[in-house]
Amino acid sequence: MLTRHPLENPSLAPLGLRTQLSNRRLQWKPTIQFTVFEERMIARFWDKHNRADAPRPLPVEAILHKILPSMAQSNRISKGDFVFEGKSYLTRDIVTLSSVMQWFGTNVGRCFIDRKVARQGRGYHESREFTIKLAEENKSWSRSCDMYTFLSHRCTGRCNNKKRLRFWLSNDPCVHDSRTVTERDKAVIDGLMRWLGTAHGRQYITEFRIRRDLAWKEAGERRRRFYDRRRTVAA
């Protein structure tokens, strides 16, 4: 077992530790002026909140060592790939968590976070908001590819044209095979959804929304100034 983080980074969820597809999307350079690359923004935000100097408990720590074991005893990590601050971690778990968190920066992921639960029903509690939304999303998928398969996808030899960047599943060159997803992957994603419903998770979302909205406002101001200058020159 390694005695330090494999990337030698003070963050438990460093920016480079995610799936191949997520890493490729981070390399994308917007072609539209005055836009906000929300995926990169939320990826960096996740990295920051899991750094050694961030308030405790770190989100990854809370999900993997508090929430998951409370869901099932089998979710405890008996042997990890490395140790961070005296606790064992599996690299695959962190890759899954960081990749899903980055997906929340896409248009579809943003809608997932921001939309309200359609039918709250009797006994509904806000702590279950995101687990309910995940279940609702899964209903619209096929048996061969559900949300777990899509969110935890690792590229294999069956994935074609890997260098081509795609954002929508319908045009995605990757082959999303449910057989590549482990029960641990599903548990980790469920744990993340539970964490998002906690006070810390909701505070995280609120803080990110504030930053996101401010970034879009600033982009709008830059756009306004740009076109004001163009009109002045033209006059």
Protein backbone atom coordinates (compact mmCIF):
# COMPACT_ATOMS: atom_id res chain seq x y z
CA MET A 1 0.00 0.00 0.00
CA LEU A 2 1.25 3.46 -0.89
CA THR A 3 1.89 5.79 2.04
CA ARG A 4 1.16 9.02 0.19
CA HIS A 5 -1.17 10.30 -2.48
CA PRO A 6 -0.08 8.85 -5.84
CA LEU A 7 -0.14 12.26 -7.55
CA GLU A 8 1.83 13.95 -4.74
CA ASN A 9 -0.81 16.65 -4.59
CA PRO A 10 -2.15 18.28 -1.42
CA SER A 11 -5.68 17.57 -2.67
CA LEU A 12 -7.45 14.28 -2.01
CA ALA A 13 -9.26 14.78 -5.34
CA PRO A 14 -6.65 16.41 -7.62
CA LEU A 15 -7.71 17.88 -10.93
CA GLY A 16 -6.03 15.22 -13.06
CA LEU A 17 -7.52 12.21 -11.29
CA ARG A 18 -10.69 11.43 -13.27
CA THR A 19 -11.85 9.29 -16.20
CA GLN A 20 -10.30 9.60 -19.65
CA LEU A 21 -13.44 11.17 -21.08
CA SER A 22 -13.64 13.73 -18.27
CA ASN A 23 -9.97 14.62 -18.68
CA ARG A 24 -10.45 15.11 -22.42
CA ARG A 25 -13.37 17.45 -21.79
CA LEU A 26 -11.21 19.54 -19.45
CA GLN A 27 -8.82 20.15 -22.37
CA TRP A 28 -11.61 21.67 -24.46
CA LYS A 29 -11.17 25.34 -25.34
CA PRO A 30 -14.42 27.29 -25.80
CA THR A 31 -14.80 28.78 -29.27
CA ILE A 32 -17.55 31.16 -28.17
CA GLN A 33 -16.44 34.48 -26.71
CA PHE A 34 -17.57 35.56 -23.27
CA THR A 35 -18.60 32.14 -22.06
CA VAL A 36 -17.98 30.29 -18.80
CA PHE A 37 -16.47 26.80 -18.88
CA GLU A 38 -18.52 25.43 -15.99
CA GLU A 39 -16.97 21.95 -16.11
CA ARG A 40 -13.50 23.29 -15.44
CA MET A 41 -14.88 25.65 -12.81
CA ILE A 42 -16.63 22.94 -10.79
CA ALA A 43 -13.67 20.55 -11.24
CA ARG A 44 -11.35 23.12 -9.69
CA PHE A 45 -13.91 23.89 -7.01
CA TRP A 46 -14.04 20.18 -6.08
CA ASP A 47 -10.23 20.02 -5.99
CA LYS A 48 -10.12 23.08 -3.70
CA HIS A 49 -12.68 21.68 -1.25
CA ASN A 50 -10.70 18.44 -0.92
CA ARG A 51 -7.32 20.05 -0.27
CA ALA A 52 -5.31 19.55 2.89
CA ASP A 53 -6.08 23.10 4.09
CA ALA A 54 -9.86 22.87 3.44
CA PRO A 55 -12.40 22.66 6.30
CA ARG A 56 -13.05 19.17 7.67
CA PRO A 57 -14.47 16.76 6.88
CA LEU A 58 -13.32 16.80 3.27
CA PRO A 59 -16.17 15.83 0.91
CA VAL A 60 -14.38 12.70 -0.38
CA GLU A 61 -13.58 11.65 3.17
CA ALA A 62 -17.19 12.16 4.30
CA ILE A 63 -18.58 10.17 1.38
CA LEU A 64 -16.17 7.23 1.45
CA HIS A 65 -15.60 6.87 5.20
CA LYS A 66 -18.87 8.06 6.75
CA ILE A 67 -21.75 7.84 4.31
CA LEU A 68 -20.83 4.64 2.45
CA PRO A 69 -20.20 2.54 5.58
CA SER A 70 -23.53 3.76 6.98
CA MET A 71 -25.26 2.44 3.85
CA ALA A 72 -23.74 -1.05 4.14
CA GLN A 73 -20.96 -2.62 6.17
CA SER A 74 -19.50 -4.06 2.97
CA ASN A 75 -18.79 -0.52 1.77
CA ARG A 76 -15.91 -0.12 4.21
CA ILE A 77 -12.48 0.02 2.59
CA SER A 78 -10.55 -2.97 3.87
CA LYS A 79 -7.50 -2.38 1.70
CA GLY A 80 -6.91 0.80 -0.27
CA ASP A 81 -4.47 1.91 -2.97
CA PHE A 82 -2.99 4.68 -0.82
CA VAL A 83 -3.35 6.46 2.51
CA PHE A 84 -4.35 10.10 2.98
CA GLU A 85 -4.22 11.51 6.51
CA GLY A 86 -4.27 8.03 8.03
CA LYS A 87 -7.25 6.70 6.01
CA SER A 88 -7.20 4.29 3.10
CA TYR A 89 -8.62 5.24 -0.28
CA LEU A 90 -9.24 3.54 -3.60
CA THR A 91 -8.12 5.51 -6.63
CA ARG A 92 -11.14 4.28 -8.61
CA ASP A 93 -13.51 5.77 -6.02
CA ILE A 94 -11.92 9.20 -6.33
CA VAL A 95 -11.93 9.00 -10.13
CA THR A 96 -15.66 8.21 -10.03
CA LEU A 97 -16.52 10.99 -7.58
CA SER A 98 -14.49 13.65 -9.40
CA SER A 99 -15.85 12.67 -12.82
CA VAL A 100 -19.47 12.82 -11.65
CA MET A 101 -18.84 16.16 -9.95
CA GLN A 102 -17.33 17.51 -13.17
CA TRP A 103 -20.40 16.29 -15.10
CA PHE A 104 -22.52 18.63 -12.97
CA GLY A 105 -20.80 21.42 -14.90
CA THR A 106 -22.32 20.28 -18.21
CA ASN A 107 -25.69 21.59 -19.37
CA VAL A 108 -27.41 18.30 -18.53
CA GLY A 109 -25.59 17.97 -15.21
CA ARG A 110 -26.51 21.52 -14.29
CA CYS A 111 -30.17 20.75 -14.96
CA PHE A 112 -29.86 17.68 -12.74
CA ILE A 113 -28.55 19.77 -9.86
CA ASP A 114 -30.89 22.74 -10.27
CA ARG A 115 -34.23 21.13 -11.09
CA LYS A 116 -36.72 20.34 -8.38
CA VAL A 117 -38.03 16.86 -7.60
CA ALA A 118 -41.17 16.45 -9.72
CA ARG A 119 -43.18 14.49 -7.16
CA GLN A 120 -42.07 15.00 -3.61
CA GLY A 121 -44.82 12.89 -2.13
CA ARG A 122 -45.59 12.06 1.44
CA GLY A 123 -42.61 11.73 3.77
CA TYR A 124 -40.28 13.52 1.36
CA HIS A 125 -37.20 15.11 2.90
CA GLU A 126 -34.68 17.37 1.18
CA SER A 127 -31.84 15.06 2.23
CA ARG A 128 -33.18 12.55 -0.32
CA GLU A 129 -33.51 15.07 -3.15
CA PHE A 130 -30.57 13.89 -5.24
CA THR A 131 -31.04 10.17 -4.66
CA ILE A 132 -34.63 10.60 -5.86
CA LYS A 133 -33.53 12.54 -8.93
CA LEU A 134 -30.98 9.84 -9.76
CA ALA A 135 -33.71 7.19 -9.51
CA GLU A 136 -35.98 9.30 -11.73
CA GLU A 137 -33.26 9.67 -14.35
CA ASN A 138 -32.55 5.93 -14.33
CA LYS A 139 -36.14 5.18 -15.30
CA SER A 140 -35.63 6.82 -18.69
CA TRP A 141 -32.55 4.75 -19.56
CA SER A 142 -32.28 1.28 -21.04
CA ARG A 143 -31.13 -1.81 -19.18
CA SER A 144 -27.83 -1.85 -21.06
CA CYS A 145 -26.94 1.74 -20.09
CA ASP A 146 -28.22 3.53 -17.02
CA MET A 147 -26.99 6.63 -15.20
CA TYR A 148 -24.45 4.61 -13.22
CA THR A 149 -22.93 3.29 -16.46
CA PHE A 150 -22.83 6.72 -18.06
CA LEU A 151 -21.41 8.58 -15.06
CA SER A 152 -18.67 6.05 -14.20
CA HIS A 153 -17.64 5.21 -17.78
CA ARG A 154 -14.02 4.17 -18.37
CA CYS A 155 -12.83 4.00 -21.96
CA THR A 156 -12.01 0.53 -23.27
CA GLY A 157 -10.78 -0.85 -26.57
CA ARG A 158 -14.38 -0.69 -27.80
CA CYS A 159 -14.50 3.09 -27.61
CA ASN A 160 -13.93 4.63 -31.03
CA ASN A 161 -12.40 7.93 -32.04
CA LYS A 162 -11.23 8.68 -28.50
CA LYS A 163 -9.67 12.03 -29.36
CA ARG A 164 -12.91 13.46 -30.68
CA LEU A 165 -14.72 15.57 -28.12
CA ARG A 166 -18.43 14.91 -27.64
CA PHE A 167 -20.79 16.23 -25.01
CA TRP A 168 -24.08 14.50 -25.79
CA LEU A 169 -24.64 10.81 -25.22
CA SER A 170 -26.35 10.39 -28.60
CA ASN A 171 -23.12 11.48 -30.35
CA ASP A 172 -20.72 10.00 -27.84
CA PRO A 173 -18.14 7.78 -29.58
CA CYS A 174 -17.65 5.80 -26.36
CA VAL A 175 -19.36 2.47 -25.77
CA HIS A 176 -21.22 2.60 -22.46
CA ASP A 177 -21.36 -0.99 -21.26
CA SER A 178 -23.11 -1.73 -17.96
CA ARG A 179 -20.85 -4.76 -17.50
CA THR A 180 -17.89 -2.43 -16.87
CA VAL A 181 -19.58 -0.87 -13.84
CA THR A 182 -18.97 -2.41 -10.43
CA GLU A 183 -21.30 -2.51 -7.47
CA ARG A 184 -18.74 -0.35 -5.71
CA ASP A 185 -19.07 2.30 -8.45
CA LYS A 186 -22.83 2.36 -7.91
CA ALA A 187 -22.41 2.65 -4.14
CA VAL A 188 -19.95 5.55 -4.55
CA ILE A 189 -22.38 7.43 -6.82
CA ASP A 190 -25.23 6.79 -4.37
CA GLY A 191 -23.00 8.05 -1.57
CA LEU A 192 -22.29 11.24 -3.49
CA MET A 193 -26.02 11.81 -4.01
CA ARG A 194 -26.59 11.38 -0.29
CA TRP A 195 -23.78 13.78 0.53
CA LEU A 196 -25.28 16.42 -1.76
CA GLY A 197 -28.43 16.27 0.36
CA THR A 198 -26.55 16.94 3.61
CA ALA A 199 -25.95 20.39 5.07
CA HIS A 200 -22.33 20.32 3.85
CA GLY A 201 -23.37 19.16 0.39
CA ARG A 202 -26.00 21.86 0.06
CA GLN A 203 -23.55 24.50 1.23
CA TYR A 204 -21.12 23.29 -1.42
CA ILE A 205 -23.78 23.59 -4.15
CA THR A 206 -24.84 27.05 -2.92
CA GLU A 207 -21.26 28.33 -2.93
CA PHE A 208 -20.66 26.96 -6.41
CA ARG A 209 -23.87 28.50 -7.76
CA ILE A 210 -22.80 31.89 -6.41
CA ARG A 211 -19.43 31.60 -8.13
CA ARG A 212 -21.01 30.30 -11.32
CA ASP A 213 -23.59 33.08 -11.50
CA LEU A 214 -20.94 35.72 -10.76
CA ALA A 215 -18.72 34.32 -13.53
CA TRP A 216 -21.60 34.53 -16.03
CA LYS A 217 -22.35 38.08 -14.90
CA GLU A 218 -18.72 39.07 -15.42
CA ALA A 219 -18.73 37.40 -18.84
CA GLY A 220 -21.82 39.40 -19.72
CA GLU A 221 -20.13 42.61 -18.61
CA ARG A 222 -17.08 41.84 -20.76
CA ARG A 223 -19.38 41.19 -23.70
CA ARG A 224 -21.19 44.50 -23.14
CA ARG A 225 -17.91 46.46 -22.94
CA PHE A 226 -16.57 44.73 -26.06
CA TYR A 227 -19.58 45.66 -28.19
CA ASP A 228 -19.70 49.18 -26.71
CA ARG A 229 -16.13 49.70 -27.91
CA ARG A 230 -16.98 48.34 -31.35
CA ARG A 231 -19.93 50.70 -31.68
CA THR A 232 -17.74 53.61 -30.55
CA VAL A 233 -15.09 52.80 -33.17
CA ALA A 234 -17.72 52.34 -35.87
CA ALA A 235 -19.25 55.73 -35.03
